[in-house]
Amino acid sequence: MFRLWGKIFRQNRLLKDVVYENSDSNLNRTKKVYAGLTEICMGFDLQE
């Protein structure tokens, strides 16, 4: 299982966080990181 933790901070305080999980063994690490960042940004309603 690959897990990427996304966190948003303001003034050293955690405002929001989310964990992206991917168990697809066919994807390499780089693709999992980019897919995770995309999902995290979508969840936070941010541009990448």
ModelCIF file with pLDDT and N, C-alpha, C, O atoms, coordinates in Angstrom:
data_MODEL
#
_entry.id   MODEL 
#
_entity.id                         1 
_entity.type                       polymer 
_entity.pdbx_number_of_molecules   1 
#
_entity_poly.entity_id                      1 
_entity_poly.type                           'polypeptide(L)' 
_entity_poly.nstd_linkage                   no 
_entity_poly.nstd_monomer                   no 
_entity_poly.pdbx_seq_one_letter_code       MFRLWGKIFRQNRLLKDVVYENSDSNLNRTKKVYAGLTEICMGFDLQE 
_entity_poly.pdbx_seq_one_letter_code_can   MFRLWGKIFRQNRLLKDVVYENSDSNLNRTKKVYAGLTEICMGFDLQE 
_entity_poly.pdbx_strand_id                 A 
#
loop_
_entity_poly_seq.entity_id 
_entity_poly_seq.num 
_entity_poly_seq.mon_id 
_entity_poly_seq.hetero 
1 1  MET n 
1 2  PHE n 
1 3  ARG n 
1 4  LEU n 
1 5  TRP n 
1 6  GLY n 
1 7  LYS n 
1 8  ILE n 
1 9  PHE n 
1 10 ARG n 
1 11 GLN n 
1 12 ASN n 
1 13 ARG n 
1 14 LEU n 
1 15 LEU n 
1 16 LYS n 
1 17 ASP n 
1 18 VAL n 
1 19 VAL n 
1 20 TYR n 
1 21 GLU n 
1 22 ASN n 
1 23 SER n 
1 24 ASP n 
1 25 SER n 
1 26 ASN n 
1 27 LEU n 
1 28 ASN n 
1 29 ARG n 
1 30 THR n 
1 31 LYS n 
1 32 LYS n 
1 33 VAL n 
1 34 TYR n 
1 35 ALA n 
1 36 GLY n 
1 37 LEU n 
1 38 THR n 
1 39 GLU n 
1 40 ILE n 
1 41 CYS n 
1 42 MET n 
1 43 GLY n 
1 44 PHE n 
1 45 ASP n 
1 46 LEU n 
1 47 GLN n 
1 48 GLU n 
#
_struct_asym.id          A 
_struct_asym.entity_id   1 
#
loop_
_ma_qa_metric.id 
_ma_qa_metric.mode 
_ma_qa_metric.name 
_ma_qa_metric.software_group_id 
_ma_qa_metric.type 
1 global pLDDT . pLDDT 
2 local  pLDDT . pLDDT 
#
_ma_qa_metric_global.metric_id      1 
_ma_qa_metric_global.metric_value   95.81 
_ma_qa_metric_global.model_id       1 
_ma_qa_metric_global.ordinal_id     1 
#
loop_
_ma_qa_metric_local.label_asym_id 
_ma_qa_metric_local.label_comp_id 
_ma_qa_metric_local.label_seq_id 
_ma_qa_metric_local.metric_id 
_ma_qa_metric_local.metric_value 
_ma_qa_metric_local.model_id 
_ma_qa_metric_local.ordinal_id 
A MET 1  2 93.00 1 1  
A PHE 2  2 96.00 1 2  
A ARG 3  2 97.00 1 3  
A LEU 4  2 97.00 1 4  
A TRP 5  2 98.00 1 5  
A GLY 6  2 98.00 1 6  
A LYS 7  2 98.00 1 7  
A ILE 8  2 98.00 1 8  
A PHE 9  2 98.00 1 9  
A ARG 10 2 97.00 1 10 
A GLN 11 2 97.00 1 11 
A ASN 12 2 95.00 1 12 
A ARG 13 2 98.00 1 13 
A LEU 14 2 98.00 1 14 
A LEU 15 2 97.00 1 15 
A LYS 16 2 97.00 1 16 
A ASP 17 2 97.00 1 17 
A VAL 18 2 97.00 1 18 
A VAL 19 2 97.00 1 19 
A TYR 20 2 97.00 1 20 
A GLU 21 2 96.00 1 21 
A ASN 22 2 94.00 1 22 
A SER 23 2 92.00 1 23 
A ASP 24 2 91.00 1 24 
A SER 25 2 89.00 1 25 
A ASN 26 2 91.00 1 26 
A LEU 27 2 92.00 1 27 
A ASN 28 2 93.00 1 28 
A ARG 29 2 93.00 1 29 
A THR 30 2 94.00 1 30 
A LYS 31 2 95.00 1 31 
A LYS 32 2 96.00 1 32 
A VAL 33 2 96.00 1 33 
A TYR 34 2 96.00 1 34 
A ALA 35 2 96.00 1 35 
A GLY 36 2 97.00 1 36 
A LEU 37 2 97.00 1 37 
A THR 38 2 97.00 1 38 
A GLU 39 2 97.00 1 39 
A ILE 40 2 98.00 1 40 
A CYS 41 2 97.00 1 41 
A MET 42 2 97.00 1 42 
A GLY 43 2 96.00 1 43 
A PHE 44 2 96.00 1 44 
A ASP 45 2 95.00 1 45 
A LEU 46 2 96.00 1 46 
A GLN 47 2 96.00 1 47 
A GLU 48 2 96.00 1 48 
#
loop_
_atom_site.group_PDB 
_atom_site.id 
_atom_site.type_symbol 
_atom_site.label_atom_id 
_atom_site.label_alt_id 
_atom_site.label_comp_id 
_atom_site.label_asym_id 
_atom_site.label_entity_id 
_atom_site.label_seq_id 
_atom_site.pdbx_PDB_ins_code 
_atom_site.Cartn_x 
_atom_site.Cartn_y 
_atom_site.Cartn_z 
_atom_site.occupancy 
_atom_site.B_iso_or_equiv 
_atom_site.pdbx_formal_charge 
_atom_site.auth_seq_id 
_atom_site.auth_comp_id 
_atom_site.auth_asym_id 
_atom_site.auth_atom_id 
_atom_site.pdbx_PDB_model_num 
ATOM 1   N N  . MET A 1 1  ? 0.851   -1.189 0.000   1.00 93.00 ? 1  MET A N  1 
ATOM 2   C CA . MET A 1 1  ? 0.000   0.000  0.000   1.00 93.00 ? 1  MET A CA 1 
ATOM 3   C C  . MET A 1 1  ? 0.889   1.242  0.000   1.00 93.00 ? 1  MET A C  1 
ATOM 4   O O  . MET A 1 1  ? 1.832   1.342  0.785   1.00 93.00 ? 1  MET A O  1 
ATOM 5   N N  . PHE A 1 2  ? 0.583   2.168  -0.872  1.00 96.00 ? 2  PHE A N  1 
ATOM 6   C CA . PHE A 1 2  ? 1.271   3.458  -0.932  1.00 96.00 ? 2  PHE A CA 1 
ATOM 7   C C  . PHE A 1 2  ? 0.337   4.484  -0.316  1.00 96.00 ? 2  PHE A C  1 
ATOM 8   O O  . PHE A 1 2  ? -0.840  4.557  -0.669  1.00 96.00 ? 2  PHE A O  1 
ATOM 9   N N  . ARG A 1 3  ? 0.868   5.281  0.609   1.00 97.00 ? 3  ARG A N  1 
ATOM 10  C CA . ARG A 1 3  ? 0.055   6.327  1.243   1.00 97.00 ? 3  ARG A CA 1 
ATOM 11  C C  . ARG A 1 3  ? 0.815   7.648  1.240   1.00 97.00 ? 3  ARG A C  1 
ATOM 12  O O  . ARG A 1 3  ? 1.993   7.709  1.592   1.00 97.00 ? 3  ARG A O  1 
ATOM 13  N N  . LEU A 1 4  ? 0.116   8.696  0.838   1.00 97.00 ? 4  LEU A N  1 
ATOM 14  C CA . LEU A 1 4  ? 0.676   10.045 0.776   1.00 97.00 ? 4  LEU A CA 1 
ATOM 15  C C  . LEU A 1 4  ? -0.202  10.946 1.633   1.00 97.00 ? 4  LEU A C  1 
ATOM 16  O O  . LEU A 1 4  ? -1.419  10.996 1.456   1.00 97.00 ? 4  LEU A O  1 
ATOM 17  N N  . TRP A 1 5  ? 0.425   11.653 2.559   1.00 98.00 ? 5  TRP A N  1 
ATOM 18  C CA . TRP A 1 5  ? -0.295  12.517 3.497   1.00 98.00 ? 5  TRP A CA 1 
ATOM 19  C C  . TRP A 1 5  ? -0.183  13.955 3.010   1.00 98.00 ? 5  TRP A C  1 
ATOM 20  O O  . TRP A 1 5  ? 0.925   14.455 2.817   1.00 98.00 ? 5  TRP A O  1 
ATOM 21  N N  . GLY A 1 6  ? -1.301  14.620 2.811   1.00 98.00 ? 6  GLY A N  1 
ATOM 22  C CA . GLY A 1 6  ? -1.335  16.023 2.417   1.00 98.00 ? 6  GLY A CA 1 
ATOM 23  C C  . GLY A 1 6  ? -1.843  16.869 3.560   1.00 98.00 ? 6  GLY A C  1 
ATOM 24  O O  . GLY A 1 6  ? -2.860  16.549 4.176   1.00 98.00 ? 6  GLY A O  1 
ATOM 25  N N  . LYS A 1 7  ? -1.127  17.966 3.849   1.00 98.00 ? 7  LYS A N  1 
ATOM 26  C CA . LYS A 1 7  ? -1.479  18.811 4.992   1.00 98.00 ? 7  LYS A CA 1 
ATOM 27  C C  . LYS A 1 7  ? -1.392  20.283 4.584   1.00 98.00 ? 7  LYS A C  1 
ATOM 28  O O  . LYS A 1 7  ? -0.488  20.684 3.851   1.00 98.00 ? 7  LYS A O  1 
ATOM 29  N N  . ILE A 1 8  ? -2.332  21.067 5.064   1.00 98.00 ? 8  ILE A N  1 
ATOM 30  C CA . ILE A 1 8  ? -2.319  22.514 4.833   1.00 98.00 ? 8  ILE A CA 1 
ATOM 31  C C  . ILE A 1 8  ? -2.078  23.204 6.172   1.00 98.00 ? 8  ILE A C  1 
ATOM 32  O O  . ILE A 1 8  ? -2.738  22.914 7.170   1.00 98.00 ? 8  ILE A O  1 
ATOM 33  N N  . PHE A 1 9  ? -1.109  24.128 6.167   1.00 98.00 ? 9  PHE A N  1 
ATOM 34  C CA . PHE A 1 9  ? -0.735  24.859 7.381   1.00 98.00 ? 9  PHE A CA 1 
ATOM 35  C C  . PHE A 1 9  ? -0.892  26.367 7.202   1.00 98.00 ? 9  PHE A C  1 
ATOM 36  O O  . PHE A 1 9  ? -0.664  26.906 6.119   1.00 98.00 ? 9  PHE A O  1 
ATOM 37  N N  . ARG A 1 10 ? -1.279  27.028 8.274   1.00 97.00 ? 10 ARG A N  1 
ATOM 38  C CA . ARG A 1 10 ? -1.248  28.489 8.349   1.00 97.00 ? 10 ARG A CA 1 
ATOM 39  C C  . ARG A 1 10 ? -0.746  28.847 9.741   1.00 97.00 ? 10 ARG A C  1 
ATOM 40  O O  . ARG A 1 10 ? -1.277  28.360 10.739  1.00 97.00 ? 10 ARG A O  1 
ATOM 41  N N  . GLN A 1 11 ? 0.264   29.687 9.808   1.00 97.00 ? 11 GLN A N  1 
ATOM 42  C CA . GLN A 1 11 ? 0.884   30.117 11.066  1.00 97.00 ? 11 GLN A CA 1 
ATOM 43  C C  . GLN A 1 11 ? 1.261   28.904 11.932  1.00 97.00 ? 11 GLN A C  1 
ATOM 44  O O  . GLN A 1 11 ? 0.974   28.860 13.128  1.00 97.00 ? 11 GLN A O  1 
ATOM 45  N N  . ASN A 1 12 ? 1.901   27.940 11.302  1.00 95.00 ? 12 ASN A N  1 
ATOM 46  C CA . ASN A 1 12 ? 2.376   26.710 11.947  1.00 95.00 ? 12 ASN A CA 1 
ATOM 47  C C  . ASN A 1 12 ? 1.272   25.886 12.600  1.00 95.00 ? 12 ASN A C  1 
ATOM 48  O O  . ASN A 1 12 ? 1.539   25.115 13.522  1.00 95.00 ? 12 ASN A O  1 
ATOM 49  N N  . ARG A 1 13 ? 0.048   26.037 12.136  1.00 98.00 ? 13 ARG A N  1 
ATOM 50  C CA . ARG A 1 13 ? -1.065  25.239 12.641  1.00 98.00 ? 13 ARG A CA 1 
ATOM 51  C C  . ARG A 1 13 ? -1.656  24.438 11.494  1.00 98.00 ? 13 ARG A C  1 
ATOM 52  O O  . ARG A 1 13 ? -1.862  24.949 10.393  1.00 98.00 ? 13 ARG A O  1 
ATOM 53  N N  . LEU A 1 14 ? -1.918  23.196 11.774  1.00 98.00 ? 14 LEU A N  1 
ATOM 54  C CA . LEU A 1 14 ? -2.533  22.316 10.786  1.00 98.00 ? 14 LEU A CA 1 
ATOM 55  C C  . LEU A 1 14 ? -4.001  22.697 10.618  1.00 98.00 ? 14 LEU A C  1 
ATOM 56  O O  . LEU A 1 14 ? -4.771  22.668 11.578  1.00 98.00 ? 14 LEU A O  1 
ATOM 57  N N  . LEU A 1 15 ? -4.379  23.053 9.393   1.00 97.00 ? 15 LEU A N  1 
ATOM 58  C CA . LEU A 1 15 ? -5.769  23.419 9.113   1.00 97.00 ? 15 LEU A CA 1 
ATOM 59  C C  . LEU A 1 15 ? -6.565  22.236 8.584   1.00 97.00 ? 15 LEU A C  1 
ATOM 60  O O  . LEU A 1 15 ? -7.691  21.989 9.016   1.00 97.00 ? 15 LEU A O  1 
ATOM 61  N N  . LYS A 1 16 ? -5.971  21.507 7.643   1.00 97.00 ? 16 LYS A N  1 
ATOM 62  C CA . LYS A 1 16 ? -6.646  20.381 6.997   1.00 97.00 ? 16 LYS A CA 1 
ATOM 63  C C  . LYS A 1 16 ? -5.611  19.317 6.685   1.00 97.00 ? 16 LYS A C  1 
ATOM 64  O O  . LYS A 1 16 ? -4.437  19.617 6.470   1.00 97.00 ? 16 LYS A O  1 
ATOM 65  N N  . ASP A 1 17 ? -6.058  18.077 6.661   1.00 97.00 ? 17 ASP A N  1 
ATOM 66  C CA . ASP A 1 17 ? -5.180  17.016 6.191   1.00 97.00 ? 17 ASP A CA 1 
ATOM 67  C C  . ASP A 1 17 ? -6.011  15.902 5.577   1.00 97.00 ? 17 ASP A C  1 
ATOM 68  O O  . ASP A 1 17 ? -7.196  15.749 5.872   1.00 97.00 ? 17 ASP A O  1 
ATOM 69  N N  . VAL A 1 18 ? -5.367  15.138 4.725   1.00 97.00 ? 18 VAL A N  1 
ATOM 70  C CA . VAL A 1 18 ? -6.011  14.018 4.051   1.00 97.00 ? 18 VAL A CA 1 
ATOM 71  C C  . VAL A 1 18 ? -4.921  13.014 3.686   1.00 97.00 ? 18 VAL A C  1 
ATOM 72  O O  . VAL A 1 18 ? -3.777  13.391 3.433   1.00 97.00 ? 18 VAL A O  1 
ATOM 73  N N  . VAL A 1 19 ? -5.284  11.751 3.661   1.00 97.00 ? 19 VAL A N  1 
ATOM 74  C CA . VAL A 1 19 ? -4.346  10.696 3.267   1.00 97.00 ? 19 VAL A CA 1 
ATOM 75  C C  . VAL A 1 19 ? -4.846  10.061 1.979   1.00 97.00 ? 19 VAL A C  1 
ATOM 76  O O  . VAL A 1 19 ? -5.994  9.627  1.888   1.00 97.00 ? 19 VAL A O  1 
ATOM 77  N N  . TYR A 1 20 ? -3.969  10.015 0.991   1.00 97.00 ? 20 TYR A N  1 
ATOM 78  C CA . TYR A 1 20 ? -4.252  9.361  -0.288  1.00 97.00 ? 20 TYR A CA 1 
ATOM 79  C C  . TYR A 1 20 ? -3.669  7.960  -0.233  1.00 97.00 ? 20 TYR A C  1 
ATOM 80  O O  . TYR A 1 20 ? -2.521  7.778  0.173   1.00 97.00 ? 20 TYR A O  1 
ATOM 81  N N  . GLU A 1 21 ? -4.453  6.972  -0.639  1.00 96.00 ? 21 GLU A N  1 
ATOM 82  C CA . GLU A 1 21 ? -3.995  5.587  -0.655  1.00 96.00 ? 21 GLU A CA 1 
ATOM 83  C C  . GLU A 1 21 ? -4.091  5.026  -2.060  1.00 96.00 ? 21 GLU A C  1 
ATOM 84  O O  . GLU A 1 21 ? -5.031  5.313  -2.800  1.00 96.00 ? 21 GLU A O  1 
ATOM 85  N N  . ASN A 1 22 ? -3.085  4.209  -2.418  1.00 94.00 ? 22 ASN A N  1 
ATOM 86  C CA . ASN A 1 22 ? -3.064  3.572  -3.729  1.00 94.00 ? 22 ASN A CA 1 
ATOM 87  C C  . ASN A 1 22 ? -2.428  2.199  -3.577  1.00 94.00 ? 22 ASN A C  1 
ATOM 88  O O  . ASN A 1 22 ? -1.300  2.079  -3.099  1.00 94.00 ? 22 ASN A O  1 
ATOM 89  N N  . SER A 1 23 ? -3.148  1.172  -3.980  1.00 92.00 ? 23 SER A N  1 
ATOM 90  C CA . SER A 1 23 ? -2.616  -0.183 -3.869  1.00 92.00 ? 23 SER A CA 1 
ATOM 91  C C  . SER A 1 23 ? -2.346  -0.806 -5.239  1.00 92.00 ? 23 SER A C  1 
ATOM 92  O O  . SER A 1 23 ? -2.128  -2.013 -5.337  1.00 92.00 ? 23 SER A O  1 
ATOM 93  N N  . ASP A 1 24 ? -2.359  0.006  -6.290  1.00 91.00 ? 24 ASP A N  1 
ATOM 94  C CA . ASP A 1 24 ? -2.102  -0.481 -7.646  1.00 91.00 ? 24 ASP A CA 1 
ATOM 95  C C  . ASP A 1 24 ? -0.614  -0.774 -7.821  1.00 91.00 ? 24 ASP A C  1 
ATOM 96  O O  . ASP A 1 24 ? 0.193   0.152  -7.900  1.00 91.00 ? 24 ASP A O  1 
ATOM 97  N N  . SER A 1 25 ? -0.254  -2.029 -7.882  1.00 89.00 ? 25 SER A N  1 
ATOM 98  C CA . SER A 1 25 ? 1.159   -2.403 -7.999  1.00 89.00 ? 25 SER A CA 1 
ATOM 99  C C  . SER A 1 25 ? 1.711   -2.189 -9.412  1.00 89.00 ? 25 SER A C  1 
ATOM 100 O O  . SER A 1 25 ? 2.917   -2.318 -9.625  1.00 89.00 ? 25 SER A O  1 
ATOM 101 N N  . ASN A 1 26 ? 0.854   -1.867 -10.370 1.00 91.00 ? 26 ASN A N  1 
ATOM 102 C CA . ASN A 1 26 ? 1.307   -1.619 -11.742 1.00 91.00 ? 26 ASN A CA 1 
ATOM 103 C C  . ASN A 1 26 ? 1.863   -0.212 -11.940 1.00 91.00 ? 26 ASN A C  1 
ATOM 104 O O  . ASN A 1 26 ? 2.568   0.043  -12.916 1.00 91.00 ? 26 ASN A O  1 
ATOM 105 N N  . LEU A 1 27 ? 1.552   0.699  -11.025 1.00 92.00 ? 27 LEU A N  1 
ATOM 106 C CA . LEU A 1 27 ? 2.040   2.075  -11.129 1.00 92.00 ? 27 LEU A CA 1 
ATOM 107 C C  . LEU A 1 27 ? 3.384   2.202  -10.427 1.00 92.00 ? 27 LEU A C  1 
ATOM 108 O O  . LEU A 1 27 ? 3.611   1.597  -9.380  1.00 92.00 ? 27 LEU A O  1 
ATOM 109 N N  . ASN A 1 28 ? 4.274   2.996  -11.017 1.00 93.00 ? 28 ASN A N  1 
ATOM 110 C CA . ASN A 1 28 ? 5.547   3.243  -10.335 1.00 93.00 ? 28 ASN A CA 1 
ATOM 111 C C  . ASN A 1 28 ? 5.350   4.345  -9.294  1.00 93.00 ? 28 ASN A C  1 
ATOM 112 O O  . ASN A 1 28 ? 4.288   4.962  -9.215  1.00 93.00 ? 28 ASN A O  1 
ATOM 113 N N  . ARG A 1 29 ? 6.385   4.576  -8.505  1.00 93.00 ? 29 ARG A N  1 
ATOM 114 C CA . ARG A 1 29 ? 6.299   5.530  -7.394  1.00 93.00 ? 29 ARG A CA 1 
ATOM 115 C C  . ARG A 1 29 ? 5.975   6.939  -7.881  1.00 93.00 ? 29 ARG A C  1 
ATOM 116 O O  . ARG A 1 29 ? 5.145   7.623  -7.282  1.00 93.00 ? 29 ARG A O  1 
ATOM 117 N N  . THR A 1 30 ? 6.607   7.368  -8.937  1.00 94.00 ? 30 THR A N  1 
ATOM 118 C CA . THR A 1 30 ? 6.388   8.723  -9.458  1.00 94.00 ? 30 THR A CA 1 
ATOM 119 C C  . THR A 1 30 ? 4.930   8.929  -9.841  1.00 94.00 ? 30 THR A C  1 
ATOM 120 O O  . THR A 1 30 ? 4.343   9.961  -9.513  1.00 94.00 ? 30 THR A O  1 
ATOM 121 N N  . LYS A 1 31 ? 4.343   7.963  -10.527 1.00 95.00 ? 31 LYS A N  1 
ATOM 122 C CA . LYS A 1 31 ? 2.940   8.084  -10.927 1.00 95.00 ? 31 LYS A CA 1 
ATOM 123 C C  . LYS A 1 31 ? 2.021   8.101  -9.709  1.00 95.00 ? 31 LYS A C  1 
ATOM 124 O O  . LYS A 1 31 ? 1.001   8.790  -9.707  1.00 95.00 ? 31 LYS A O  1 
ATOM 125 N N  . LYS A 1 32 ? 2.378   7.352  -8.685  1.00 96.00 ? 32 LYS A N  1 
ATOM 126 C CA . LYS A 1 32 ? 1.570   7.352  -7.456  1.00 96.00 ? 32 LYS A CA 1 
ATOM 127 C C  . LYS A 1 32 ? 1.656   8.699  -6.750  1.00 96.00 ? 32 LYS A C  1 
ATOM 128 O O  . LYS A 1 32 ? 0.658   9.189  -6.222  1.00 96.00 ? 32 LYS A O  1 
ATOM 129 N N  . VAL A 1 33 ? 2.839   9.296  -6.738  1.00 96.00 ? 33 VAL A N  1 
ATOM 130 C CA . VAL A 1 33 ? 3.001   10.616 -6.111  1.00 96.00 ? 33 VAL A CA 1 
ATOM 131 C C  . VAL A 1 33 ? 2.186   11.663 -6.851  1.00 96.00 ? 33 VAL A C  1 
ATOM 132 O O  . VAL A 1 33 ? 1.477   12.451 -6.224  1.00 96.00 ? 33 VAL A O  1 
ATOM 133 N N  . TYR A 1 34 ? 2.278   11.682 -8.188  1.00 96.00 ? 34 TYR A N  1 
ATOM 134 C CA . TYR A 1 34 ? 1.521   12.664 -8.961  1.00 96.00 ? 34 TYR A CA 1 
ATOM 135 C C  . TYR A 1 34 ? 0.012   12.443 -8.834  1.00 96.00 ? 34 TYR A C  1 
ATOM 136 O O  . TYR A 1 34 ? -0.749  13.404 -8.713  1.00 96.00 ? 34 TYR A O  1 
ATOM 137 N N  . ALA A 1 35 ? -0.420  11.181 -8.862  1.00 96.00 ? 35 ALA A N  1 
ATOM 138 C CA . ALA A 1 35 ? -1.847  10.886 -8.695  1.00 96.00 ? 35 ALA A CA 1 
ATOM 139 C C  . ALA A 1 35 ? -2.314  11.300 -7.303  1.00 96.00 ? 35 ALA A C  1 
ATOM 140 O O  . ALA A 1 35 ? -3.415  11.825 -7.136  1.00 96.00 ? 35 ALA A O  1 
ATOM 141 N N  . GLY A 1 36 ? -1.463  11.057 -6.305  1.00 97.00 ? 36 GLY A N  1 
ATOM 142 C CA . GLY A 1 36 ? -1.794  11.452 -4.945  1.00 97.00 ? 36 GLY A CA 1 
ATOM 143 C C  . GLY A 1 36 ? -1.907  12.953 -4.794  1.00 97.00 ? 36 GLY A C  1 
ATOM 144 O O  . GLY A 1 36 ? -2.837  13.450 -4.158  1.00 97.00 ? 36 GLY A O  1 
ATOM 145 N N  . LEU A 1 37 ? -0.968  13.676 -5.373  1.00 97.00 ? 37 LEU A N  1 
ATOM 146 C CA . LEU A 1 37 ? -1.011  15.139 -5.300  1.00 97.00 ? 37 LEU A CA 1 
ATOM 147 C C  . LEU A 1 37 ? -2.267  15.672 -5.988  1.00 97.00 ? 37 LEU A C  1 
ATOM 148 O O  . LEU A 1 37 ? -2.896  16.607 -5.492  1.00 97.00 ? 37 LEU A O  1 
ATOM 149 N N  . THR A 1 38 ? -2.631  15.085 -7.119  1.00 97.00 ? 38 THR A N  1 
ATOM 150 C CA . THR A 1 38 ? -3.852  15.490 -7.824  1.00 97.00 ? 38 THR A CA 1 
ATOM 151 C C  . THR A 1 38 ? -5.087  15.275 -6.953  1.00 97.00 ? 38 THR A C  1 
ATOM 152 O O  . THR A 1 38 ? -5.936  16.160 -6.844  1.00 97.00 ? 38 THR A O  1 
ATOM 153 N N  . GLU A 1 39 ? -5.184  14.104 -6.337  1.00 97.00 ? 39 GLU A N  1 
ATOM 154 C CA . GLU A 1 39 ? -6.331  13.798 -5.473  1.00 97.00 ? 39 GLU A CA 1 
ATOM 155 C C  . GLU A 1 39 ? -6.373  14.697 -4.238  1.00 97.00 ? 39 GLU A C  1 
ATOM 156 O O  . GLU A 1 39 ? -7.438  15.160 -3.831  1.00 97.00 ? 39 GLU A O  1 
ATOM 157 N N  . ILE A 1 40 ? -5.217  14.933 -3.657  1.00 98.00 ? 40 ILE A N  1 
ATOM 158 C CA . ILE A 1 40 ? -5.146  15.804 -2.479  1.00 98.00 ? 40 ILE A CA 1 
ATOM 159 C C  . ILE A 1 40 ? -5.609  17.214 -2.833  1.00 98.00 ? 40 ILE A C  1 
ATOM 160 O O  . ILE A 1 40 ? -6.390  17.817 -2.096  1.00 98.00 ? 40 ILE A O  1 
ATOM 161 N N  . CYS A 1 41 ? -5.135  17.733 -3.944  1.00 97.00 ? 41 CYS A N  1 
ATOM 162 C CA . CYS A 1 41 ? -5.528  19.085 -4.359  1.00 97.00 ? 41 CYS A CA 1 
ATOM 163 C C  . CYS A 1 41 ? -7.014  19.148 -4.692  1.00 97.00 ? 41 CYS A C  1 
ATOM 164 O O  . CYS A 1 41 ? -7.675  20.142 -4.391  1.00 97.00 ? 41 CYS A O  1 
ATOM 165 N N  . MET A 1 42 ? -7.537  18.105 -5.305  1.00 97.00 ? 42 MET A N  1 
ATOM 166 C CA . MET A 1 42 ? -8.981  18.085 -5.583  1.00 97.00 ? 42 MET A CA 1 
ATOM 167 C C  . MET A 1 42 ? -9.767  18.103 -4.282  1.00 97.00 ? 42 MET A C  1 
ATOM 168 O O  . MET A 1 42 ? -10.778 18.798 -4.178  1.00 97.00 ? 42 MET A O  1 
ATOM 169 N N  . GLY A 1 43 ? -9.316  17.353 -3.296  1.00 96.00 ? 43 GLY A N  1 
ATOM 170 C CA . GLY A 1 43 ? -9.991  17.315 -2.007  1.00 96.00 ? 43 GLY A CA 1 
ATOM 171 C C  . GLY A 1 43 ? -9.954  18.649 -1.272  1.00 96.00 ? 43 GLY A C  1 
ATOM 172 O O  . GLY A 1 43 ? -10.889 18.991 -0.548  1.00 96.00 ? 43 GLY A O  1 
ATOM 173 N N  . PHE A 1 44 ? -8.873  19.402 -1.460  1.00 96.00 ? 44 PHE A N  1 
ATOM 174 C CA . PHE A 1 44 ? -8.727  20.710 -0.832  1.00 96.00 ? 44 PHE A CA 1 
ATOM 175 C C  . PHE A 1 44 ? -9.247  21.837 -1.722  1.00 96.00 ? 44 PHE A C  1 
ATOM 176 O O  . PHE A 1 44 ? -9.190  23.003 -1.331  1.00 96.00 ? 44 PHE A O  1 
ATOM 177 N N  . ASP A 1 45 ? -9.750  21.510 -2.907  1.00 95.00 ? 45 ASP A N  1 
ATOM 178 C CA . ASP A 1 45 ? -10.225 22.488 -3.890  1.00 95.00 ? 45 ASP A CA 1 
ATOM 179 C C  . ASP A 1 45 ? -9.123  23.487 -4.240  1.00 95.00 ? 45 ASP A C  1 
ATOM 180 O O  . ASP A 1 45 ? -9.322  24.701 -4.183  1.00 95.00 ? 45 ASP A O  1 
ATOM 181 N N  . LEU A 1 46 ? -7.960  22.949 -4.602  1.00 96.00 ? 46 LEU A N  1 
ATOM 182 C CA . LEU A 1 46 ? -6.797  23.756 -4.984  1.00 96.00 ? 46 LEU A CA 1 
ATOM 183 C C  . LEU A 1 46 ? -6.354  23.417 -6.394  1.00 96.00 ? 46 LEU A C  1 
ATOM 184 O O  . LEU A 1 46 ? -6.590  22.314 -6.887  1.00 96.00 ? 46 LEU A O  1 
ATOM 185 N N  . GLN A 1 47 ? -5.718  24.367 -7.028  1.00 96.00 ? 47 GLN A N  1 
ATOM 186 C CA . GLN A 1 47 ? -5.019  24.031 -8.265  1.00 96.00 ? 47 GLN A CA 1 
ATOM 187 C C  . GLN A 1 47 ? -3.774  23.239 -7.882  1.00 96.00 ? 47 GLN A C  1 
ATOM 188 O O  . GLN A 1 47 ? -3.283  23.358 -6.760  1.00 96.00 ? 47 GLN A O  1 
ATOM 189 N N  . GLU A 1 48 ? -3.270  22.443 -8.795  1.00 96.00 ? 48 GLU A N  1 
ATOM 190 C CA . GLU A 1 48 ? -2.050  21.690 -8.510  1.00 96.00 ? 48 GLU A CA 1 
ATOM 191 C C  . GLU A 1 48 ? -0.854  22.638 -8.510  1.00 96.00 ? 48 GLU A C  1 
ATOM 192 O O  . GLU A 1 48 ? 0.277   22.205 -8.289  1.00 96.00 ? 48 GLU A O  1 
#
